[in-house]
C-alpha atoms as a PDB file:
ATOM      1  CA  UNK A   1      57.324  70.000  51.598  1.00  0.00           C
ATOM      2  CA  UNK A   2      54.990  67.067  52.694  1.00  0.00           C
ATOM      3  CA  UNK A   3      56.728  63.713  54.022  1.00  0.00           C
ATOM      4  CA  UNK A   4      55.347  61.059  52.104  1.00  0.00           C
ATOM      5  CA  UNK A   5      52.727  58.528  53.846  1.00  0.00           C
ATOM      6  CA  UNK A   6      53.815  55.485  55.017  1.00  0.00           C
ATOM      7  CA  UNK A   7      51.688  52.368  55.449  1.00  0.00           C
ATOM      8  CA  UNK A   8      52.245  49.658  57.705  1.00  0.00           C
ATOM      9  CA  UNK A   9      51.690  45.725  56.106  1.00  0.00           C
ATOM     10  CA  UNK A  10      48.133  45.315  57.325  1.00  0.00           C
ATOM     11  CA  UNK A  11      46.926  48.393  55.736  1.00  0.00           C
ATOM     12  CA  UNK A  12      48.897  47.485  52.876  1.00  0.00           C
ATOM     13  CA  UNK A  13      47.348  43.151  52.308  1.00  0.00           C
ATOM     14  CA  UNK A  14      44.270  43.967  54.138  1.00  0.00           C
ATOM     15  CA  UNK A  15      42.020  43.965  51.264  1.00  0.00           C
ATOM     16  CA  UNK A  16      43.861  41.390  48.815  1.00  0.00           C
ATOM     17  CA  UNK A  17      43.693  39.033  52.091  1.00  0.00           C
ATOM     18  CA  UNK A  18      40.124  39.223  51.892  1.00  0.00           C
ATOM     19  CA  UNK A  19      39.644  38.966  48.160  1.00  0.00           C
ATOM     20  CA  UNK A  20      42.037  36.090  48.624  1.00  0.00           C
ATOM     21  CA  UNK A  21      39.904  34.523  51.250  1.00  0.00           C
ATOM     22  CA  UNK A  22      36.948  35.430  49.567  1.00  0.00           C
ATOM     23  CA  UNK A  23      37.800  33.332  45.887  1.00  0.00           C
ATOM     24  CA  UNK A  24      39.073  30.348  48.204  1.00  0.00           C
ATOM     25  CA  UNK A  25      35.806  30.020  49.594  1.00  0.00           C
ATOM     26  CA  UNK A  26      33.916  30.409  46.514  1.00  0.00           C
ATOM     27  CA  UNK A  27      36.797  27.730  44.813  1.00  0.00           C
ATOM     28  CA  UNK A  28      35.905  25.259  47.698  1.00  0.00           C
ATOM     29  CA  UNK A  29      32.257  25.553  48.102  1.00  0.00           C
ATOM     30  CA  UNK A  30      32.172  24.793  44.531  1.00  0.00           C
ATOM     31  CA  UNK A  31      33.394  21.496  44.912  1.00  0.00           C
ATOM     32  CA  UNK A  32      30.880  20.919  48.060  1.00  0.00           C
ATOM     33  CA  UNK A  33      27.647  20.390  46.183  1.00  0.00           C
ATOM     34  CA  UNK A  34      24.821  21.710  44.320  1.00  0.00           C
ATOM     35  CA  UNK A  35      22.411  24.112  44.397  1.00  0.00           C
ATOM     36  CA  UNK A  36      23.215  26.490  47.624  1.00  0.00           C
ATOM     37  CA  UNK A  37      26.855  25.830  47.457  1.00  0.00           C
ATOM     38  CA  UNK A  38      26.849  26.634  43.576  1.00  0.00           C
ATOM     39  CA  UNK A  39      25.318  30.237  44.889  1.00  0.00           C
ATOM     40  CA  UNK A  40      27.470  30.671  47.279  1.00  0.00           C
ATOM     41  CA  UNK A  41      30.416  30.041  44.799  1.00  0.00           C
ATOM     42  CA  UNK A  42      28.997  32.401  42.637  1.00  0.00           C
ATOM     43  CA  UNK A  43      28.412  35.432  44.772  1.00  0.00           C
ATOM     44  CA  UNK A  44      31.876  34.286  46.361  1.00  0.00           C
ATOM     45  CA  UNK A  45      33.355  34.694  43.288  1.00  0.00           C
ATOM     46  CA  UNK A  46      31.851  37.619  41.595  1.00  0.00           C
ATOM     47  CA  UNK A  47      32.657  40.248  44.162  1.00  0.00           C
ATOM     48  CA  UNK A  48      36.464  39.679  43.747  1.00  0.00           C
ATOM     49  CA  UNK A  49      35.482  40.394  39.849  1.00  0.00           C
ATOM     50  CA  UNK A  50      33.618  43.134  40.860  1.00  0.00           C
ATOM     51  CA  UNK A  51      36.471  44.783  42.792  1.00  0.00           C
ATOM     52  CA  UNK A  52      38.723  44.695  39.722  1.00  0.00           C
ATOM     53  CA  UNK A  53      36.598  45.886  37.526  1.00  0.00           C
ATOM     54  CA  UNK A  54      35.393  48.599  39.114  1.00  0.00           C
ATOM     55  CA  UNK A  55      39.210  49.606  40.260  1.00  0.00           C
ATOM     56  CA  UNK A  56      39.920  49.297  36.333  1.00  0.00           C
ATOM     57  CA  UNK A  57      38.028  52.193  35.634  1.00  0.00           C
ATOM     58  CA  UNK A  58      38.232  54.182  38.298  1.00  0.00           C
ATOM     59  CA  UNK A  59      41.770  54.143  37.270  1.00  0.00           C
ATOM     60  CA  UNK A  60      41.193  54.940  33.694  1.00  0.00           C
ATOM     61  CA  UNK A  61      39.761  58.352  34.288  1.00  0.00           C
END
């Protein structure tokens, strides 16, 4: 019988914190201006969405 793997708080919350920070960067950059700021905003907001879609598609298989 194998023992269950125990994860620490840093391992559990690493990716949600990074994705939340990236989302915050995207939202804040959308407020600052146009052109480059808009591109940064779209990029920063698209990555968490892409990760979500990827994880949902992997789980569905």
